[in-house]
Amino acid sequence: MTEKKARIAVLVSGGGTNLQALIDACKSGIIRSGEIKLVISNNASAYALTRARDNGIHAVFVSRKKNGGQEGFERKIKELLEKYEIDLIVLAGFMSILSADFTSRYPRRILNIHPSLIPSFCGEGFYGLKVHEAALARGVKVTGATVHFVNEIPDGGEILLQKAVAILPADTPEVLQKRVMEEAEWKLLPQAVEMVSGDIITEE
């Protein structure tokens, strides 16, 4: 009898370092209750698509422009999620805000990783390097990462996990970004995915 696993889709826009952390966690057994079945990107040249294909995962580019804007873009994503019978959606550096109509269809089934300790440096306009630039400009001594459920408010959903990372005097935004990834994001996201995947297969 095949062990039941939650079917995961990862949405990503860039290099896919968090996707790689999830792939590695599946291989090492950190993620036991779920498996990545689909990777979707809104960027045709995203290296994340290559990472997925290199690991035997279906990888699809979905164009907002070719689908006639946000509504058609989200409709296409929904079609793919249904086709692959996805249970859990993980946003791993997905630089596209999803509408309330989309997020309301998947309550407690969309996870996001944000590179700060929410509620600091989060919400609209805070993404990627901008988060770390803001933390350094404010002079905070501690930052980190947060995994949360996604709702209609950017970075506003229920928090699952957080991990603090120290800011050092010589930090640049790039150096800080790398430390937050290595010390927090790449550890927290697989942990959260395993937690939620475990809950999904227990419910069924």
C-alpha atoms as a PDB file:
ATOM      1  CA  MET A   1       0.000   0.000   0.000  1.00  0.00           C
ATOM      2  CA  THR A   2       1.384   3.385  -1.011  1.00  0.00           C
ATOM      3  CA  GLU A   3       1.735   5.854   1.833  1.00  0.00           C
ATOM      4  CA  LYS A   4      -0.644   8.800   1.460  1.00  0.00           C
ATOM      5  CA  LYS A   5       1.090  12.130   0.884  1.00  0.00           C
ATOM      6  CA  ALA A   6      -0.191  15.677   0.423  1.00  0.00           C
ATOM      7  CA  ARG A   7       0.306  16.883  -3.137  1.00  0.00           C
ATOM      8  CA  ILE A   8       2.220  20.187  -3.197  1.00  0.00           C
ATOM      9  CA  ALA A   9       2.500  22.958  -5.797  1.00  0.00           C
ATOM     10  CA  VAL A  10       5.272  25.552  -5.440  1.00  0.00           C
ATOM     11  CA  LEU A  11       4.778  28.988  -7.030  1.00  0.00           C
ATOM     12  CA  VAL A  12       8.001  30.874  -7.674  1.00  0.00           C
ATOM     13  CA  SER A  13       9.285  33.799  -9.748  1.00  0.00           C
ATOM     14  CA  GLY A  14      13.070  33.614  -9.619  1.00  0.00           C
ATOM     15  CA  GLY A  15      16.017  31.366  -8.860  1.00  0.00           C
ATOM     16  CA  GLY A  16      14.121  29.025  -6.592  1.00  0.00           C
ATOM     17  CA  THR A  17      16.491  28.701  -3.625  1.00  0.00           C
ATOM     18  CA  ASN A  18      13.540  28.045  -1.299  1.00  0.00           C
ATOM     19  CA  LEU A  19      12.199  25.530  -3.830  1.00  0.00           C
ATOM     20  CA  GLN A  20      15.597  23.794  -3.695  1.00  0.00           C
ATOM     21  CA  ALA A  21      15.385  23.726   0.109  1.00  0.00           C
ATOM     22  CA  LEU A  22      11.994  21.968  -0.215  1.00  0.00           C
ATOM     23  CA  ILE A  23      13.290  19.487  -2.810  1.00  0.00           C
ATOM     24  CA  ASP A  24      16.268  18.684  -0.545  1.00  0.00           C
ATOM     25  CA  ALA A  25      13.948  18.315   2.469  1.00  0.00           C
ATOM     26  CA  CYS A  26      11.793  15.818   0.556  1.00  0.00           C
ATOM     27  CA  LYS A  27      14.898  13.795  -0.339  1.00  0.00           C
ATOM     28  CA  SER A  28      16.336  13.864   3.188  1.00  0.00           C
ATOM     29  CA  GLY A  29      13.059  12.912   4.882  1.00  0.00           C
ATOM     30  CA  ILE A  30      12.443  16.234   6.649  1.00  0.00           C
ATOM     31  CA  ILE A  31       9.272  16.412   4.553  1.00  0.00           C
ATOM     32  CA  ARG A  32       7.660  12.964   4.842  1.00  0.00           C
ATOM     33  CA  SER A  33       3.963  13.836   4.603  1.00  0.00           C
ATOM     34  CA  GLY A  34       4.025  15.698   1.285  1.00  0.00           C
ATOM     35  CA  GLU A  35       5.552  15.580  -2.187  1.00  0.00           C
ATOM     36  CA  ILE A  36       6.090  18.341  -4.744  1.00  0.00           C
ATOM     37  CA  LYS A  37       4.022  17.546  -7.828  1.00  0.00           C
ATOM     38  CA  LEU A  38       4.032  20.895  -9.627  1.00  0.00           C
ATOM     39  CA  VAL A  39       6.076  24.090  -9.936  1.00  0.00           C
ATOM     40  CA  ILE A  40       4.466  27.171 -11.504  1.00  0.00           C
ATOM     41  CA  SER A  41       6.298  30.365 -12.420  1.00  0.00           C
ATOM     42  CA  ASN A  42       5.092  33.706 -13.778  1.00  0.00           C
ATOM     43  CA  ASN A  43       8.591  34.215 -15.235  1.00  0.00           C
ATOM     44  CA  ALA A  44       9.531  32.145 -18.303  1.00  0.00           C
ATOM     45  CA  SER A  45      13.265  32.448 -17.558  1.00  0.00           C
ATOM     46  CA  ALA A  46      13.050  31.584 -13.838  1.00  0.00           C
ATOM     47  CA  TYR A  47      15.807  29.161 -12.899  1.00  0.00           C
ATOM     48  CA  ALA A  48      13.293  27.544 -10.555  1.00  0.00           C
ATOM     49  CA  LEU A  49      11.696  25.881 -13.608  1.00  0.00           C
ATOM     50  CA  THR A  50      15.048  24.247 -14.431  1.00  0.00           C
ATOM     51  CA  ARG A  51      15.497  23.117 -10.823  1.00  0.00           C
ATOM     52  CA  ALA A  52      12.067  21.482 -10.945  1.00  0.00           C
ATOM     53  CA  ARG A  53      12.649  19.698 -14.266  1.00  0.00           C
ATOM     54  CA  ASP A  54      16.085  18.495 -13.125  1.00  0.00           C
ATOM     55  CA  ASN A  55      14.305  16.784 -10.225  1.00  0.00           C
ATOM     56  CA  GLY A  56      11.526  15.234 -12.287  1.00  0.00           C
ATOM     57  CA  ILE A  57       8.843  17.724 -11.199  1.00  0.00           C
ATOM     58  CA  HIS A  58       6.301  19.124 -13.679  1.00  0.00           C
ATOM     59  CA  ALA A  59       7.236  22.781 -14.297  1.00  0.00           C
ATOM     60  CA  VAL A  60       4.916  25.266 -16.021  1.00  0.00           C
ATOM     61  CA  PHE A  61       5.256  28.923 -17.013  1.00  0.00           C
ATOM     62  CA  VAL A  62       1.983  30.856 -16.765  1.00  0.00           C
ATOM     63  CA  SER A  63       1.927  34.273 -18.459  1.00  0.00           C
ATOM     64  CA  ARG A  64      -0.301  37.018 -17.069  1.00  0.00           C
ATOM     65  CA  LYS A  65      -0.168  38.807 -20.423  1.00  0.00           C
ATOM     66  CA  LYS A  66      -1.065  35.767 -22.550  1.00  0.00           C
ATOM     67  CA  ASN A  67      -3.960  34.952 -20.217  1.00  0.00           C
ATOM     68  CA  GLY A  68      -5.445  38.446 -20.523  1.00  0.00           C
ATOM     69  CA  GLY A  69      -4.552  39.853 -17.099  1.00  0.00           C
ATOM     70  CA  GLN A  70      -4.926  38.832 -13.456  1.00  0.00           C
ATOM     71  CA  GLU A  71      -8.266  37.028 -13.726  1.00  0.00           C
ATOM     72  CA  GLY A  72      -7.180  34.798 -16.623  1.00  0.00           C
ATOM     73  CA  PHE A  73      -3.765  34.275 -14.996  1.00  0.00           C
ATOM     74  CA  GLU A  74      -5.364  33.020 -11.790  1.00  0.00           C
ATOM     75  CA  ARG A  75      -7.895  30.912 -13.736  1.00  0.00           C
ATOM     76  CA  LYS A  76      -5.013  29.139 -15.500  1.00  0.00           C
ATOM     77  CA  ILE A  77      -3.247  28.504 -12.183  1.00  0.00           C
ATOM     78  CA  LYS A  78      -6.489  27.077 -10.726  1.00  0.00           C
ATOM     79  CA  GLU A  79      -6.825  24.748 -13.733  1.00  0.00           C
ATOM     80  CA  LEU A  80      -3.304  23.446 -13.153  1.00  0.00           C
ATOM     81  CA  LEU A  81      -3.927  22.975  -9.422  1.00  0.00           C
ATOM     82  CA  GLU A  82      -7.045  20.937 -10.220  1.00  0.00           C
ATOM     83  CA  LYS A  83      -5.314  18.909 -12.949  1.00  0.00           C
ATOM     84  CA  TYR A  84      -2.532  17.866 -10.566  1.00  0.00           C
ATOM     85  CA  GLU A  85      -4.966  17.419  -7.614  1.00  0.00           C
ATOM     86  CA  ILE A  86      -2.951  19.789  -5.442  1.00  0.00           C
ATOM     87  CA  ASP A  87      -3.607  19.845  -1.674  1.00  0.00           C
ATOM     88  CA  LEU A  88      -1.129  22.551  -0.598  1.00  0.00           C
ATOM     89  CA  ILE A  89       0.214  25.655  -2.368  1.00  0.00           C
ATOM     90  CA  VAL A  90       3.581  27.083  -1.312  1.00  0.00           C
ATOM     91  CA  LEU A  91       4.640  30.583  -2.376  1.00  0.00           C
ATOM     92  CA  ALA A  92       8.434  30.547  -2.465  1.00  0.00           C
ATOM     93  CA  GLY A  93       9.547  33.919  -3.795  1.00  0.00           C
ATOM     94  CA  PHE A  94       6.418  34.373  -5.913  1.00  0.00           C
ATOM     95  CA  MET A  95       6.437  38.054  -6.909  1.00  0.00           C
ATOM     96  CA  SER A  96       2.755  38.290  -7.766  1.00  0.00           C
ATOM     97  CA  ILE A  97      -0.010  39.259  -5.357  1.00  0.00           C
ATOM     98  CA  LEU A  98      -2.917  36.815  -5.554  1.00  0.00           C
ATOM     99  CA  SER A  99      -6.446  38.223  -5.433  1.00  0.00           C
ATOM    100  CA  ALA A 100      -8.879  37.749  -2.535  1.00  0.00           C
ATOM    101  CA  ASP A 101     -11.013  35.669  -4.899  1.00  0.00           C
ATOM    102  CA  PHE A 102      -8.111  33.255  -5.385  1.00  0.00           C
ATOM    103  CA  THR A 103      -6.898  33.056  -1.781  1.00  0.00           C
ATOM    104  CA  SER A 104     -10.439  32.593  -0.381  1.00  0.00           C
ATOM    105  CA  ARG A 105     -10.732  29.354  -2.371  1.00  0.00           C
ATOM    106  CA  TYR A 106      -7.844  27.792  -0.478  1.00  0.00           C
ATOM    107  CA  PRO A 107      -8.234  28.635   3.246  1.00  0.00           C
ATOM    108  CA  ARG A 108      -5.231  27.393   5.291  1.00  0.00           C
ATOM    109  CA  ARG A 109      -3.881  25.758   2.143  1.00  0.00           C
ATOM    110  CA  ILE A 110      -1.505  28.481   0.896  1.00  0.00           C
ATOM    111  CA  LEU A 111       1.813  29.037   2.678  1.00  0.00           C
ATOM    112  CA  ASN A 112       4.233  31.922   2.196  1.00  0.00           C
ATOM    113  CA  ILE A 113       7.735  32.592   3.486  1.00  0.00           C
ATOM    114  CA  HIS A 114       8.529  36.249   4.239  1.00  0.00           C
ATOM    115  CA  PRO A 115      12.091  37.429   5.028  1.00  0.00           C
ATOM    116  CA  SER A 116      11.352  39.378   8.206  1.00  0.00           C
ATOM    117  CA  LEU A 117       9.715  38.893  11.587  1.00  0.00           C
ATOM    118  CA  ILE A 118       6.129  39.870  10.739  1.00  0.00           C
ATOM    119  CA  PRO A 119       4.632  42.388  11.599  1.00  0.00           C
ATOM    120  CA  SER A 120       7.928  44.210  10.931  1.00  0.00           C
ATOM    121  CA  PHE A 121       8.835  45.122   7.332  1.00  0.00           C
ATOM    122  CA  CYS A 122       5.933  43.389   5.664  1.00  0.00           C
ATOM    123  CA  GLY A 123       2.873  44.125   3.535  1.00  0.00           C
ATOM    124  CA  GLU A 124       2.607  45.767   0.152  1.00  0.00           C
ATOM    125  CA  GLY A 125       5.939  46.842  -1.341  1.00  0.00           C
ATOM    126  CA  PHE A 126       8.057  44.762   1.040  1.00  0.00           C
ATOM    127  CA  TYR A 127       9.608  41.934  -0.930  1.00  0.00           C
ATOM    128  CA  GLY A 128      13.041  40.553  -1.777  1.00  0.00           C
ATOM    129  CA  LEU A 129      15.989  42.818  -1.021  1.00  0.00           C
ATOM    130  CA  LYS A 130      13.682  45.741  -0.101  1.00  0.00           C
ATOM    131  CA  VAL A 131      12.832  43.980   3.190  1.00  0.00           C
ATOM    132  CA  HIS A 132      16.495  43.784   4.212  1.00  0.00           C
ATOM    133  CA  GLU A 133      17.212  47.344   3.067  1.00  0.00           C
ATOM    134  CA  ALA A 134      14.357  48.550   5.294  1.00  0.00           C
ATOM    135  CA  ALA A 135      15.567  46.549   8.300  1.00  0.00           C
ATOM    136  CA  LEU A 136      19.087  47.988   7.995  1.00  0.00           C
ATOM    137  CA  ALA A 137      17.786  51.517   7.446  1.00  0.00           C
ATOM    138  CA  ARG A 138      15.674  51.253  10.613  1.00  0.00           C
ATOM    139  CA  GLY A 139      18.638  50.032  12.627  1.00  0.00           C
ATOM    140  CA  VAL A 140      16.992  46.946  14.122  1.00  0.00           C
ATOM    141  CA  LYS A 141      19.356  44.449  15.758  1.00  0.00           C
ATOM    142  CA  VAL A 142      17.340  41.318  14.983  1.00  0.00           C
ATOM    143  CA  THR A 143      15.461  40.242  11.884  1.00  0.00           C
ATOM    144  CA  GLY A 144      14.468  36.792  10.641  1.00  0.00           C
ATOM    145  CA  ALA A 145      11.850  34.966   8.608  1.00  0.00           C
ATOM    146  CA  THR A 146       8.169  34.089   8.986  1.00  0.00           C
ATOM    147  CA  VAL A 147       6.048  31.336   7.473  1.00  0.00           C
ATOM    148  CA  HIS A 148       2.369  32.220   7.404  1.00  0.00           C
ATOM    149  CA  PHE A 149      -0.890  31.203   5.796  1.00  0.00           C
ATOM    150  CA  VAL A 150      -1.939  33.459   2.924  1.00  0.00           C
ATOM    151  CA  ASN A 151      -5.187  35.428   2.939  1.00  0.00           C
ATOM    152  CA  GLU A 152      -6.415  38.499   1.054  1.00  0.00           C
ATOM    153  CA  ILE A 153      -4.069  40.849   2.985  1.00  0.00           C
ATOM    154  CA  PRO A 154      -0.414  40.825   1.822  1.00  0.00           C
ATOM    155  CA  ASP A 155       1.580  39.121   4.624  1.00  0.00           C
ATOM    156  CA  GLY A 156      -1.571  39.276   6.776  1.00  0.00           C
ATOM    157  CA  GLY A 157      -2.423  35.602   7.307  1.00  0.00           C
ATOM    158  CA  GLU A 158      -1.992  33.512  10.450  1.00  0.00           C
ATOM    159  CA  ILE A 159       1.664  33.014  11.462  1.00  0.00           C
ATOM    160  CA  LEU A 160       2.892  29.417  11.714  1.00  0.00           C
ATOM    161  CA  LEU A 161       6.613  29.694  12.420  1.00  0.00           C
ATOM    162  CA  GLN A 162       9.234  32.381  12.979  1.00  0.00           C
ATOM    163  CA  LYS A 163      12.986  32.321  13.457  1.00  0.00           C
ATOM    164  CA  ALA A 164      15.171  35.224  14.514  1.00  0.00           C
ATOM    165  CA  VAL A 165      18.473  36.107  12.839  1.00  0.00           C
ATOM    166  CA  ALA A 166      20.991  38.581  14.263  1.00  0.00           C
ATOM    167  CA  ILE A 167      21.962  41.664  12.266  1.00  0.00           C
ATOM    168  CA  LEU A 168      25.703  42.328  12.320  1.00  0.00           C
ATOM    169  CA  PRO A 169      27.375  45.770  12.117  1.00  0.00           C
ATOM    170  CA  ALA A 170      28.991  45.179   8.708  1.00  0.00           C
ATOM    171  CA  ASP A 171      25.847  43.775   7.045  1.00  0.00           C
ATOM    172  CA  THR A 172      24.787  44.917   3.601  1.00  0.00           C
ATOM    173  CA  PRO A 173      21.289  44.045   2.330  1.00  0.00           C
ATOM    174  CA  GLU A 174      22.800  41.255   0.185  1.00  0.00           C
ATOM    175  CA  VAL A 175      24.813  39.749   3.053  1.00  0.00           C
ATOM    176  CA  LEU A 176      21.805  39.914   5.372  1.00  0.00           C
ATOM    177  CA  GLN A 177      19.532  38.367   2.742  1.00  0.00           C
ATOM    178  CA  LYS A 178      21.879  35.388   2.406  1.00  0.00           C
ATOM    179  CA  ARG A 179      22.125  34.869   6.187  1.00  0.00           C
ATOM    180  CA  VAL A 180      18.328  35.034   6.621  1.00  0.00           C
ATOM    181  CA  MET A 181      17.925  32.444   3.852  1.00  0.00           C
ATOM    182  CA  GLU A 182      20.545  30.074   5.277  1.00  0.00           C
ATOM    183  CA  GLU A 183      19.682  30.411   8.972  1.00  0.00           C
ATOM    184  CA  ALA A 184      15.903  30.840   8.779  1.00  0.00           C
ATOM    185  CA  GLU A 185      14.084  30.473   5.447  1.00  0.00           C
ATOM    186  CA  TRP A 186      15.611  27.178   4.291  1.00  0.00           C
ATOM    187  CA  LYS A 187      14.888  25.628   7.716  1.00  0.00           C
ATOM    188  CA  LEU A 188      11.467  27.095   8.477  1.00  0.00           C
ATOM    189  CA  LEU A 189       9.762  26.490   5.150  1.00  0.00           C
ATOM    190  CA  PRO A 190      10.346  22.703   5.011  1.00  0.00           C
ATOM    191  CA  GLN A 191       9.301  22.468   8.672  1.00  0.00           C
ATOM    192  CA  ALA A 192       6.047  24.332   7.996  1.00  0.00           C
ATOM    193  CA  VAL A 193       5.326  22.315   4.844  1.00  0.00           C
ATOM    194  CA  GLU A 194       5.727  19.070   6.808  1.00  0.00           C
ATOM    195  CA  MET A 195       3.428  20.381   9.581  1.00  0.00           C
ATOM    196  CA  VAL A 196       0.630  21.373   7.209  1.00  0.00           C
ATOM    197  CA  SER A 197       1.045  18.317   4.964  1.00  0.00           C
ATOM    198  CA  GLY A 198       0.754  16.122   8.052  1.00  0.00           C
ATOM    199  CA  ASP A 199      -2.469  17.891   9.026  1.00  0.00           C
ATOM    200  CA  ILE A 200      -3.876  17.460   5.490  1.00  0.00           C
ATOM    201  CA  ILE A 201      -3.290  13.704   5.306  1.00  0.00           C
ATOM    202  CA  THR A 202      -4.622  13.237   8.857  1.00  0.00           C
ATOM    203  CA  GLU A 203      -7.857  15.060   7.954  1.00  0.00           C
ATOM    204  CA  GLU A 204      -8.529  12.856   4.927  1.00  0.00           C
END
